[in-house]
Structures are given as C-alpha cells and as structure tokens.
Amino acid sequence: MAANQKPTDATPAFVALHRANVQFTSHSYVHDPRAESFGMEAAQALGVEAGRVFKTLMAVIDGELCVGVVPVMGSLDLKALADALGGKRAQMADAAQAQRATGYVIGGISPVGQKKRHRTVIDKSSAQWPTIFVSGGRRGLEAELHPDDLVRVTQAVVSRIAR
C-alpha cells in the first residue's frame, strides 16, 4: 500500500500495482508545462538522483509496439532494445501511437497499467538502486518501487538498453 497515496492518485498504474500486491510509494509534485524534460523535472522536484528516475519510452520493433524503461538522463539504444527482444528493426513510436496504445499522455506514460500489455525491457542499471521511480500515470506523479517488483509486474526483460 502506498504510504502517502491520496484517492485522487487512482491512476491505472496505481490500480495495477495494488492488484499485483506491489509495495510502492506515491510521490507527487507540481508539473511545470514549460519543463524541457519530464523525467529530469521529476528528479529535481523530488530531490533524487536522476539515475533513480526512469522514463518509459515506446518503440516499434519489427511492427510490434514495445516498451523501453531507461534512466531519465540517458537515451534509449534502439538496437539494444531490439536485440533484447529478439527483433531486427526498431524505431521510436510516434507520440499519438504511444498515447493511444497506453492510455497515458506523453510525459505521463507508465510502464504499468497500460491499456494492453506490451513486451517490456528495463535497463540493467535499475538493479543498482534499492528503489527506482517511474511515472505513476500522469505528469507530476511518480511511483517509487523496488526494481524487481517492476520487472515482475511488467514481465520485463532486464538488459543494457540505455546510452
């Protein structure tokens, strides 16, 4: 159960985490629409190292929409993502496609609670932290959880996919 969860935080991500009995903590902050990087904004607003805050990116691998979860200060290595999932060609999904497929807005896409389960790869660097932060399903809302719990709930592959 989230330590500081409010009823207004009942996003699909938090509902999915509760259903999976995942221990997590909800963290909210006031999102600045002028922020250049949603993830870096979250790290700064929450006062945590950027390496602990992960962004969720949608890519298309051989025609299939997939998820890459990488630290906010890095970028997604598309070739490494394709390799981790046994694919050949990868490209970033366009924003509209990502929003339709996940049910979340850009800057608030969570790897958890998407409309449909997508194959997911989480960067290996997540394992170095006792907890990591991922989007809670809207801008200004983060879920802090153990990396192994995120792997379990998303049925993810763990691999080096960040640059």
C-alpha atoms as a PDB file:
ATOM      1  CA  MET A   1       0.000   0.000   0.000  1.00  0.00           C
ATOM      2  CA  ALA A   2       1.319   3.451  -0.813  1.00  0.00           C
ATOM      3  CA  ALA A   3       2.433   5.425   2.178  1.00  0.00           C
ATOM      4  CA  ASN A   4       1.144   8.775   1.023  1.00  0.00           C
ATOM      5  CA  GLN A   5      -1.412   7.831  -1.584  1.00  0.00           C
ATOM      6  CA  LYS A   6      -4.441  10.044  -1.967  1.00  0.00           C
ATOM      7  CA  PRO A   7      -7.763   8.939  -3.515  1.00  0.00           C
ATOM      8  CA  THR A   8      -7.082  11.278  -6.459  1.00  0.00           C
ATOM      9  CA  ASP A   9      -3.991   9.190  -7.288  1.00  0.00           C
ATOM     10  CA  ALA A  10      -6.060   6.223  -8.506  1.00  0.00           C
ATOM     11  CA  THR A  11      -4.421   6.036 -11.931  1.00  0.00           C
ATOM     12  CA  PRO A  12      -4.452   2.801 -13.939  1.00  0.00           C
ATOM     13  CA  ALA A  13      -0.782   2.372 -12.935  1.00  0.00           C
ATOM     14  CA  PHE A  14      -1.564   2.538  -9.223  1.00  0.00           C
ATOM     15  CA  VAL A  15      -4.585   0.270  -9.617  1.00  0.00           C
ATOM     16  CA  ALA A  16      -2.381  -2.298 -11.408  1.00  0.00           C
ATOM     17  CA  LEU A  17       0.321  -2.068  -8.727  1.00  0.00           C
ATOM     18  CA  HIS A  18      -2.262  -2.589  -5.975  1.00  0.00           C
ATOM     19  CA  ARG A  19      -3.778  -5.575  -7.818  1.00  0.00           C
ATOM     20  CA  ALA A  20      -0.309  -7.131  -8.127  1.00  0.00           C
ATOM     21  CA  ASN A  21       0.335  -6.540  -4.400  1.00  0.00           C
ATOM     22  CA  VAL A  22       3.383  -4.403  -5.185  1.00  0.00           C
ATOM     23  CA  GLN A  23       4.692  -2.210  -2.377  1.00  0.00           C
ATOM     24  CA  PHE A  24       5.185   1.318  -3.710  1.00  0.00           C
ATOM     25  CA  THR A  25       5.153   4.904  -2.583  1.00  0.00           C
ATOM     26  CA  SER A  26       3.332   7.647  -4.447  1.00  0.00           C
ATOM     27  CA  HIS A  27       5.184  10.936  -4.946  1.00  0.00           C
ATOM     28  CA  SER A  28       3.525  13.960  -6.486  1.00  0.00           C
ATOM     29  CA  TYR A  29       4.853  17.362  -7.464  1.00  0.00           C
ATOM     30  CA  VAL A  30       3.573  20.358  -9.396  1.00  0.00           C
ATOM     31  CA  HIS A  31       4.399  19.793 -13.057  1.00  0.00           C
ATOM     32  CA  ASP A  32       5.695  22.820 -14.964  1.00  0.00           C
ATOM     33  CA  PRO A  33       4.359  22.694 -18.546  1.00  0.00           C
ATOM     34  CA  ARG A  34       7.491  24.584 -19.658  1.00  0.00           C
ATOM     35  CA  ALA A  35       9.813  21.795 -18.440  1.00  0.00           C
ATOM     36  CA  GLU A  36      12.113  20.590 -21.213  1.00  0.00           C
ATOM     37  CA  SER A  37      12.463  17.073 -19.773  1.00  0.00           C
ATOM     38  CA  PHE A  38       9.614  15.465 -17.827  1.00  0.00           C
ATOM     39  CA  GLY A  39      11.979  12.968 -16.203  1.00  0.00           C
ATOM     40  CA  MET A  40      14.647  15.462 -15.167  1.00  0.00           C
ATOM     41  CA  GLU A  41      11.873  17.673 -13.803  1.00  0.00           C
ATOM     42  CA  ALA A  42      10.684  14.753 -11.658  1.00  0.00           C
ATOM     43  CA  ALA A  43      14.195  14.044 -10.342  1.00  0.00           C
ATOM     44  CA  GLN A  44      14.727  17.684  -9.412  1.00  0.00           C
ATOM     45  CA  ALA A  45      11.260  18.174  -7.915  1.00  0.00           C
ATOM     46  CA  LEU A  46      11.598  15.035  -5.779  1.00  0.00           C
ATOM     47  CA  GLY A  47      15.227  15.703  -4.849  1.00  0.00           C
ATOM     48  CA  VAL A  48      16.518  12.320  -6.017  1.00  0.00           C
ATOM     49  CA  GLU A  49      19.433  11.308  -8.221  1.00  0.00           C
ATOM     50  CA  ALA A  50      18.495  11.298 -11.904  1.00  0.00           C
ATOM     51  CA  GLY A  51      19.841   7.740 -12.203  1.00  0.00           C
ATOM     52  CA  ARG A  52      16.992   6.512  -9.962  1.00  0.00           C
ATOM     53  CA  VAL A  53      14.249   8.098 -12.077  1.00  0.00           C
ATOM     54  CA  PHE A  54      13.279   6.109 -15.153  1.00  0.00           C
ATOM     55  CA  LYS A  55      11.333   7.169 -18.227  1.00  0.00           C
ATOM     56  CA  THR A  56       9.044   4.928 -20.226  1.00  0.00           C
ATOM     57  CA  LEU A  57       9.561   5.074 -23.976  1.00  0.00           C
ATOM     58  CA  MET A  58       7.526   3.341 -26.649  1.00  0.00           C
ATOM     59  CA  ALA A  59       9.230   1.868 -29.705  1.00  0.00           C
ATOM     60  CA  VAL A  60       8.143  -0.218 -32.656  1.00  0.00           C
ATOM     61  CA  ILE A  61      10.190  -3.373 -33.163  1.00  0.00           C
ATOM     62  CA  ASP A  62       9.508  -5.297 -36.363  1.00  0.00           C
ATOM     63  CA  GLY A  63       5.996  -3.783 -36.408  1.00  0.00           C
ATOM     64  CA  GLU A  64       5.223  -4.511 -32.719  1.00  0.00           C
ATOM     65  CA  LEU A  65       4.833  -1.766 -30.118  1.00  0.00           C
ATOM     66  CA  CYS A  66       7.223  -2.372 -27.196  1.00  0.00           C
ATOM     67  CA  VAL A  67       8.365  -0.559 -24.048  1.00  0.00           C
ATOM     68  CA  GLY A  68      11.851   0.555 -23.040  1.00  0.00           C
ATOM     69  CA  VAL A  69      12.438   1.837 -19.496  1.00  0.00           C
ATOM     70  CA  VAL A  70      15.674   3.833 -19.100  1.00  0.00           C
ATOM     71  CA  PRO A  71      17.159   6.419 -16.708  1.00  0.00           C
ATOM     72  CA  VAL A  72      15.904   9.931 -17.456  1.00  0.00           C
ATOM     73  CA  MET A  73      19.366  11.364 -18.065  1.00  0.00           C
ATOM     74  CA  GLY A  74      20.082   8.813 -20.784  1.00  0.00           C
ATOM     75  CA  SER A  75      18.556   7.811 -24.068  1.00  0.00           C
ATOM     76  CA  LEU A  76      17.168   4.569 -25.433  1.00  0.00           C
ATOM     77  CA  ASP A  77      19.518   2.475 -27.582  1.00  0.00           C
ATOM     78  CA  LEU A  78      17.044   1.177 -30.166  1.00  0.00           C
ATOM     79  CA  LYS A  79      19.372  -1.531 -31.464  1.00  0.00           C
ATOM     80  CA  ALA A  80      19.937  -2.843 -27.924  1.00  0.00           C
ATOM     81  CA  LEU A  81      16.168  -2.802 -27.306  1.00  0.00           C
ATOM     82  CA  ALA A  82      15.525  -4.794 -30.493  1.00  0.00           C
ATOM     83  CA  ASP A  83      18.304  -7.258 -29.587  1.00  0.00           C
ATOM     84  CA  ALA A  84      16.878  -7.736 -26.065  1.00  0.00           C
ATOM     85  CA  LEU A  85      13.528  -8.727 -27.564  1.00  0.00           C
ATOM     86  CA  GLY A  86      14.931 -10.806 -30.435  1.00  0.00           C
ATOM     87  CA  GLY A  87      13.968  -8.234 -33.053  1.00  0.00           C
ATOM     88  CA  LYS A  88      15.739  -6.772 -36.046  1.00  0.00           C
ATOM     89  CA  ARG A  89      14.451  -3.239 -36.714  1.00  0.00           C
ATOM     90  CA  ALA A  90      13.419  -0.685 -34.125  1.00  0.00           C
ATOM     91  CA  GLN A  91      12.254   2.901 -34.258  1.00  0.00           C
ATOM     92  CA  MET A  92      10.602   5.211 -31.776  1.00  0.00           C
ATOM     93  CA  ALA A  93       6.800   5.113 -31.810  1.00  0.00           C
ATOM     94  CA  ASP A  94       5.167   8.412 -32.615  1.00  0.00           C
ATOM     95  CA  ALA A  95       3.543  10.275 -29.741  1.00  0.00           C
ATOM     96  CA  ALA A  96      -0.042   9.739 -30.886  1.00  0.00           C
ATOM     97  CA  GLN A  97       0.521   5.994 -31.322  1.00  0.00           C
ATOM     98  CA  ALA A  98       2.121   5.739 -27.866  1.00  0.00           C
ATOM     99  CA  GLN A  99      -0.723   7.660 -26.212  1.00  0.00           C
ATOM    100  CA  ARG A 100      -3.447   5.597 -27.942  1.00  0.00           C
ATOM    101  CA  ALA A 101      -1.780   2.282 -27.106  1.00  0.00           C
ATOM    102  CA  THR A 102      -1.045   3.044 -23.454  1.00  0.00           C
ATOM    103  CA  GLY A 103      -3.933   5.284 -22.410  1.00  0.00           C
ATOM    104  CA  TYR A 104      -1.433   7.782 -20.976  1.00  0.00           C
ATOM    105  CA  VAL A 105      -0.212  11.181 -22.184  1.00  0.00           C
ATOM    106  CA  ILE A 106       3.399  11.818 -23.179  1.00  0.00           C
ATOM    107  CA  GLY A 107       5.339  12.686 -20.051  1.00  0.00           C
ATOM    108  CA  GLY A 108       2.978  10.528 -18.010  1.00  0.00           C
ATOM    109  CA  ILE A 109       3.362   7.127 -19.669  1.00  0.00           C
ATOM    110  CA  SER A 110       3.833   4.492 -17.003  1.00  0.00           C
ATOM    111  CA  PRO A 111       5.271   1.057 -17.742  1.00  0.00           C
ATOM    112  CA  VAL A 112       2.451  -0.312 -15.548  1.00  0.00           C
ATOM    113  CA  GLY A 113      -1.300  -0.280 -16.163  1.00  0.00           C
ATOM    114  CA  GLN A 114      -1.210   0.314 -19.897  1.00  0.00           C
ATOM    115  CA  LYS A 115      -4.360  -0.454 -21.914  1.00  0.00           C
ATOM    116  CA  LYS A 116      -2.659  -3.594 -23.238  1.00  0.00           C
ATOM    117  CA  ARG A 117       0.451  -5.412 -22.022  1.00  0.00           C
ATOM    118  CA  HIS A 118       3.437  -4.688 -24.258  1.00  0.00           C
ATOM    119  CA  ARG A 119       6.738  -6.520 -24.208  1.00  0.00           C
ATOM    120  CA  THR A 120       8.990  -4.522 -21.916  1.00  0.00           C
ATOM    121  CA  VAL A 121      12.722  -4.134 -21.358  1.00  0.00           C
ATOM    122  CA  ILE A 122      14.072  -2.367 -18.269  1.00  0.00           C
ATOM    123  CA  ASP A 123      17.622  -1.037 -18.304  1.00  0.00           C
ATOM    124  CA  LYS A 124      20.036  -3.112 -16.251  1.00  0.00           C
ATOM    125  CA  SER A 125      21.117  -0.037 -14.255  1.00  0.00           C
ATOM    126  CA  SER A 126      17.829  -0.236 -12.323  1.00  0.00           C
ATOM    127  CA  ALA A 127      19.272  -3.113 -10.274  1.00  0.00           C
ATOM    128  CA  GLN A 128      21.859  -0.865  -8.601  1.00  0.00           C
ATOM    129  CA  TRP A 129      19.180   1.035  -6.656  1.00  0.00           C
ATOM    130  CA  PRO A 130      17.129  -0.114  -3.653  1.00  0.00           C
ATOM    131  CA  THR A 131      14.129   1.650  -5.232  1.00  0.00           C
ATOM    132  CA  ILE A 132      13.511   3.436  -8.516  1.00  0.00           C
ATOM    133  CA  PHE A 133      10.930   5.947  -9.673  1.00  0.00           C
ATOM    134  CA  VAL A 134       8.658   5.526 -12.707  1.00  0.00           C
ATOM    135  CA  SER A 135       5.689   7.533 -13.891  1.00  0.00           C
ATOM    136  CA  GLY A 136       2.554   6.966 -11.878  1.00  0.00           C
ATOM    137  CA  GLY A 137       0.404   7.543 -14.944  1.00  0.00           C
ATOM    138  CA  ARG A 138       0.273  11.305 -15.234  1.00  0.00           C
ATOM    139  CA  ARG A 139       2.658  14.240 -15.306  1.00  0.00           C
ATOM    140  CA  GLY A 140       3.667  15.187 -11.774  1.00  0.00           C
ATOM    141  CA  LEU A 141       3.060  11.737 -10.290  1.00  0.00           C
ATOM    142  CA  GLU A 142       5.734   9.097  -9.677  1.00  0.00           C
ATOM    143  CA  ALA A 143       5.693   5.606  -8.191  1.00  0.00           C
ATOM    144  CA  GLU A 144       8.712   4.565  -6.146  1.00  0.00           C
ATOM    145  CA  LEU A 145       9.190   0.803  -6.057  1.00  0.00           C
ATOM    146  CA  HIS A 146      11.794  -1.961  -5.908  1.00  0.00           C
ATOM    147  CA  PRO A 147      13.253  -2.679  -9.383  1.00  0.00           C
ATOM    148  CA  ASP A 148      12.478  -6.416  -9.058  1.00  0.00           C
ATOM    149  CA  ASP A 149       8.810  -5.591  -8.438  1.00  0.00           C
ATOM    150  CA  LEU A 150       8.701  -3.529 -11.643  1.00  0.00           C
ATOM    151  CA  VAL A 151      10.289  -6.426 -13.544  1.00  0.00           C
ATOM    152  CA  ARG A 152       7.750  -8.848 -12.086  1.00  0.00           C
ATOM    153  CA  VAL A 153       4.641  -6.738 -12.666  1.00  0.00           C
ATOM    154  CA  THR A 154       5.605  -5.856 -16.260  1.00  0.00           C
ATOM    155  CA  GLN A 155       7.069  -9.316 -17.008  1.00  0.00           C
ATOM    156  CA  ALA A 156      10.093  -7.427 -18.340  1.00  0.00           C
ATOM    157  CA  VAL A 157      13.428  -8.482 -19.684  1.00  0.00           C
ATOM    158  CA  VAL A 158      16.362  -6.741 -17.973  1.00  0.00           C
ATOM    159  CA  SER A 159      19.144  -5.674 -20.321  1.00  0.00           C
ATOM    160  CA  ARG A 160      21.532  -2.811 -21.034  1.00  0.00           C
ATOM    161  CA  ILE A 161      19.352  -0.582 -23.289  1.00  0.00           C
ATOM    162  CA  ALA A 162      20.377   2.914 -22.162  1.00  0.00           C
ATOM    163  CA  ARG A 163      23.114   5.102 -23.610  1.00  0.00           C
END
